[in-house]
C-alpha atoms as a PDB file:
ATOM      1  CA  MET A   1       7.520  66.315   4.978  1.00  0.00           C
ATOM      2  CA  ARG A   2      11.068  65.669   6.143  1.00  0.00           C
ATOM      3  CA  ARG A   3      12.277  68.829   4.401  1.00  0.00           C
ATOM      4  CA  LEU A   4       9.533  70.860   6.157  1.00  0.00           C
ATOM      5  CA  ALA A   5      10.504  69.470   9.570  1.00  0.00           C
ATOM      6  CA  CYS A   6      14.176  70.378   8.966  1.00  0.00           C
ATOM      7  CA  GLY A   7      13.185  73.869   7.880  1.00  0.00           C
ATOM      8  CA  VAL A   8      11.065  74.392  10.985  1.00  0.00           C
ATOM      9  CA  LEU A   9      13.910  73.115  13.178  1.00  0.00           C
ATOM     10  CA  LEU A  10      16.403  75.463  11.520  1.00  0.00           C
ATOM     11  CA  LEU A  11      14.053  78.433  11.956  1.00  0.00           C
ATOM     12  CA  GLY A  12      13.623  77.542  15.622  1.00  0.00           C
ATOM     13  CA  VAL A  13      17.382  77.390  16.170  1.00  0.00           C
ATOM     14  CA  ALA A  14      17.904  80.652  14.293  1.00  0.00           C
ATOM     15  CA  GLY A  15      15.169  82.283  16.367  1.00  0.00           C
ATOM     16  CA  CYS A  16      16.823  81.149  19.598  1.00  0.00           C
ATOM     17  CA  ALA A  17      20.183  82.444  18.450  1.00  0.00           C
ATOM     18  CA  HIS A  18      18.667  85.821  17.605  1.00  0.00           C
ATOM     19  CA  THR A  19      16.778  86.296  20.866  1.00  0.00           C
ATOM     20  CA  THR A  20      19.724  85.374  23.050  1.00  0.00           C
ATOM     21  CA  SER A  21      22.257  87.622  21.339  1.00  0.00           C
ATOM     22  CA  GLY A  22      20.501  91.026  21.411  1.00  0.00           C
ATOM     23  CA  ILE A  23      22.420  93.902  22.937  1.00  0.00           C
ATOM     24  CA  SER A  24      24.586  91.657  25.062  1.00  0.00           C
ATOM     25  CA  GLY A  25      26.665  90.968  21.957  1.00  0.00           C
ATOM     26  CA  ARG A  26      28.857  93.434  20.066  1.00  0.00           C
ATOM     27  CA  THR A  27      26.276  96.227  20.012  1.00  0.00           C
ATOM     28  CA  HIS A  28      26.265  96.523  23.811  1.00  0.00           C
ATOM     29  CA  GLU A  29      30.021  97.084  23.718  1.00  0.00           C
ATOM     30  CA  LEU A  30      29.382 100.257  21.691  1.00  0.00           C
ATOM     31  CA  ALA A  31      27.636 101.900  24.654  1.00  0.00           C
ATOM     32  CA  THR A  32      29.635 104.645  26.334  1.00  0.00           C
ATOM     33  CA  ARG A  33      28.042 103.723  29.630  1.00  0.00           C
ATOM     34  CA  GLU A  34      25.185 101.856  31.239  1.00  0.00           C
ATOM     35  CA  VAL A  35      22.416 103.246  33.423  1.00  0.00           C
ATOM     36  CA  GLN A  36      21.364 100.460  35.728  1.00  0.00           C
ATOM     37  CA  ALA A  37      17.980  99.915  37.280  1.00  0.00           C
ATOM     38  CA  PRO A  38      17.639 100.682  40.984  1.00  0.00           C
ATOM     39  CA  GLN A  39      17.677  97.726  43.348  1.00  0.00           C
ATOM     40  CA  LYS A  40      14.163  98.462  44.636  1.00  0.00           C
ATOM     41  CA  ASN A  41      10.892  99.511  43.048  1.00  0.00           C
ATOM     42  CA  ALA A  42      10.584 103.278  43.639  1.00  0.00           C
ATOM     43  CA  CYS A  43       6.915 102.912  44.542  1.00  0.00           C
ATOM     44  CA  GLU A  44       7.773 100.901  47.655  1.00  0.00           C
ATOM     45  CA  ARG A  45       8.817 104.177  49.339  1.00  0.00           C
ATOM     46  CA  TYR A  46       5.171 105.258  49.233  1.00  0.00           C
ATOM     47  CA  ARG A  47       3.587 102.117  50.650  1.00  0.00           C
ATOM     48  CA  GLN A  48       2.555 103.933  53.885  1.00  0.00           C
ATOM     49  CA  SER A  49       0.201 106.143  51.862  1.00  0.00           C
ATOM     50  CA  ALA A  50      -2.300 104.007  49.982  1.00  0.00           C
ATOM     51  CA  SER A  51      -3.256 106.728  47.511  1.00  0.00           C
ATOM     52  CA  ALA A  52       0.370 107.761  46.731  1.00  0.00           C
ATOM     53  CA  PHE A  53       1.377 104.115  46.363  1.00  0.00           C
ATOM     54  CA  ARG A  54      -1.571 103.370  44.070  1.00  0.00           C
ATOM     55  CA  GLN A  55      -0.832 106.433  41.904  1.00  0.00           C
ATOM     56  CA  CYS A  56       2.857 105.515  41.709  1.00  0.00           C
ATOM     57  CA  GLU A  57       1.982 101.950  40.678  1.00  0.00           C
ATOM     58  CA  GLU A  58      -0.364 103.297  37.990  1.00  0.00           C
ATOM     59  CA  PHE A  59       2.430 105.503  36.630  1.00  0.00           C
ATOM     60  CA  ARG A  60       4.766 102.517  36.772  1.00  0.00           C
ATOM     61  CA  ALA A  61       2.316 100.353  34.801  1.00  0.00           C
ATOM     62  CA  THR A  62       1.950 103.141  32.221  1.00  0.00           C
ATOM     63  CA  VAL A  63       5.686 103.411  31.577  1.00  0.00           C
ATOM     64  CA  VAL A  64       6.140  99.635  31.485  1.00  0.00           C
ATOM     65  CA  GLU A  65       3.485  99.497  28.762  1.00  0.00           C
ATOM     66  CA  TYR A  66       5.203 102.390  26.941  1.00  0.00           C
ATOM     67  CA  LEU A  67       8.527 100.522  27.031  1.00  0.00           C
ATOM     68  CA  ARG A  68       6.856  97.357  25.774  1.00  0.00           C
ATOM     69  CA  HIS A  69       5.924  99.194  22.560  1.00  0.00           C
ATOM     70  CA  LEU A  70       9.210 101.055  22.077  1.00  0.00           C
ATOM     71  CA  ASN A  71      11.132  99.985  18.970  1.00  0.00           C
ATOM     72  CA  THR A  72      14.454 100.548  17.308  1.00  0.00           C
ATOM     73  CA  GLY A  73      14.271 103.831  15.397  1.00  0.00           C
ATOM     74  CA  ASP A  74      11.820 105.468  17.804  1.00  0.00           C
ATOM     75  CA  THR A  75      12.626 108.887  19.215  1.00  0.00           C
ATOM     76  CA  VAL A  76      12.218 109.340  22.966  1.00  0.00           C
ATOM     77  CA  CYS A  77      12.495 112.223  25.383  1.00  0.00           C
ATOM     78  CA  LEU A  78      15.123 111.463  28.021  1.00  0.00           C
ATOM     79  CA  GLU A  79      14.436 114.537  30.149  1.00  0.00           C
ATOM     80  CA  ASN A  80      11.230 116.424  30.814  1.00  0.00           C
ATOM     81  CA  GLY A  81       8.817 114.174  28.976  1.00  0.00           C
ATOM     82  CA  LEU A  82       9.778 110.488  28.939  1.00  0.00           C
ATOM     83  CA  GLY A  83       6.792 108.528  27.744  1.00  0.00           C
ATOM     84  CA  ASP A  84       5.164 111.553  26.135  1.00  0.00           C
ATOM     85  CA  GLU A  85       5.223 112.723  22.544  1.00  0.00           C
ATOM     86  CA  VAL A  86       8.589 114.420  22.002  1.00  0.00           C
ATOM     87  CA  GLY A  87       7.843 118.134  22.033  1.00  0.00           C
ATOM     88  CA  PRO A  88       9.430 121.516  22.705  1.00  0.00           C
ATOM     89  CA  ALA A  89       9.587 120.977  26.500  1.00  0.00           C
ATOM     90  CA  CYS A  90      11.909 117.998  26.025  1.00  0.00           C
ATOM     91  CA  LYS A  91      15.436 118.868  27.176  1.00  0.00           C
ATOM     92  CA  ALA A  92      17.125 115.811  25.631  1.00  0.00           C
ATOM     93  CA  ARG A  93      15.962 113.594  22.800  1.00  0.00           C
ATOM     94  CA  GLY A  94      17.244 110.146  22.147  1.00  0.00           C
ATOM     95  CA  ALA A  95      16.997 107.609  19.358  1.00  0.00           C
ATOM     96  CA  VAL A  96      16.532 103.950  20.186  1.00  0.00           C
ATOM     97  CA  VAL A  97      19.335 102.253  18.262  1.00  0.00           C
ATOM     98  CA  ASP A  98      19.005  98.759  19.725  1.00  0.00           C
ATOM     99  CA  ALA A  99      17.037  96.853  22.326  1.00  0.00           C
ATOM    100  CA  ASP A 100      16.827  93.579  24.167  1.00  0.00           C
ATOM    101  CA  ALA A 101      14.534  92.175  26.849  1.00  0.00           C
ATOM    102  CA  HIS A 102      16.450  93.994  29.595  1.00  0.00           C
ATOM    103  CA  GLY A 103      16.812  97.490  28.154  1.00  0.00           C
ATOM    104  CA  PHE A 104      17.499  99.914  25.350  1.00  0.00           C
ATOM    105  CA  MET A 105      20.547 101.392  23.685  1.00  0.00           C
ATOM    106  CA  ILE A 106      19.709 105.062  23.203  1.00  0.00           C
ATOM    107  CA  GLU A 107      21.774 107.628  21.333  1.00  0.00           C
ATOM    108  CA  VAL A 108      21.489 111.024  23.018  1.00  0.00           C
ATOM    109  CA  ARG A 109      20.535 113.724  20.519  1.00  0.00           C
ATOM    110  CA  ASP A 110      19.886 117.440  20.742  1.00  0.00           C
ATOM    111  CA  PRO A 111      20.256 117.996  24.507  1.00  0.00           C
ATOM    112  CA  THR A 112      19.739 121.576  25.606  1.00  0.00           C
ATOM    113  CA  LEU A 113      22.561 123.376  27.408  1.00  0.00           C
ATOM    114  CA  ASP A 114      20.768 122.980  30.750  1.00  0.00           C
ATOM    115  CA  SER A 115      20.082 119.254  30.264  1.00  0.00           C
ATOM    116  CA  LYS A 116      21.751 116.697  32.512  1.00  0.00           C
ATOM    117  CA  TRP A 117      22.453 114.768  29.272  1.00  0.00           C
ATOM    118  CA  HIS A 118      24.288 117.675  27.586  1.00  0.00           C
ATOM    119  CA  ALA A 119      27.753 116.125  28.062  1.00  0.00           C
ATOM    120  CA  ASP A 120      26.473 112.883  26.518  1.00  0.00           C
ATOM    121  CA  ALA A 121      25.384 114.387  23.181  1.00  0.00           C
ATOM    122  CA  GLY A 122      25.980 111.865  20.408  1.00  0.00           C
ATOM    123  CA  GLN A 123      26.808 109.071  22.851  1.00  0.00           C
ATOM    124  CA  ARG A 124      25.087 105.707  23.000  1.00  0.00           C
ATOM    125  CA  ILE A 125      23.931 104.766  26.464  1.00  0.00           C
ATOM    126  CA  TYR A 126      22.410 101.465  27.507  1.00  0.00           C
ATOM    127  CA  PHE A 127      19.447 101.981  29.842  1.00  0.00           C
ATOM    128  CA  GLU A 128      18.111  99.021  31.758  1.00  0.00           C
ATOM    129  CA  ASN A 129      14.313  98.983  31.703  1.00  0.00           C
ATOM    130  CA  GLY A 130      14.111  99.785  35.413  1.00  0.00           C
ATOM    131  CA  ALA A 131      16.312 102.852  34.918  1.00  0.00           C
ATOM    132  CA  LEU A 132      13.845 104.261  32.386  1.00  0.00           C
ATOM    133  CA  VAL A 133      10.977 103.467  34.765  1.00  0.00           C
ATOM    134  CA  GLU A 134      12.842 105.385  37.477  1.00  0.00           C
ATOM    135  CA  ILE A 135      13.319 108.414  35.185  1.00  0.00           C
ATOM    136  CA  TYR A 136       9.606 108.401  34.362  1.00  0.00           C
ATOM    137  CA  LEU A 137       8.570 108.182  38.019  1.00  0.00           C
ATOM    138  CA  ARG A 138      10.965 110.950  39.073  1.00  0.00           C
ATOM    139  CA  GLU A 139       9.516 113.245  36.429  1.00  0.00           C
ATOM    140  CA  ARG A 140       6.128 112.686  38.033  1.00  0.00           C
ATOM    141  CA  GLY A 141       7.351 113.477  41.543  1.00  0.00           C
ATOM    142  CA  TYR A 142       8.102 109.983  42.825  1.00  0.00           C
ATOM    143  CA  GLU A 143      11.740 110.156  43.910  1.00  0.00           C
END
């Protein structure tokens, strides 16, 4: 019984150590840059129009759920299709190489010549969750 209690305690400590390190450790240092979340929720700009605000909040909830299920190794579209299946319309693909509770380290892959991510090809960029939400909302007309 004592051995079991020690094992459970060690697993708990190891679990805490793992969840607190995440990207903020050495992996985050490998990012070429960081895209920070905006200070305010983009949907707040549409509060005067109930229908636009409601639609924006629905889009926001959709992308938050999408991010919740994103994992290391997944391929994402960084331009012209974030949150959708990566297809031919996507101007810049990215591979999730690491993640923590606050964001994702994404390696930019295969950007088209007209992509805003073209200069970042092959680079690892840390995106805060709110920054990805902002990209998603902008692609749907909420700027």
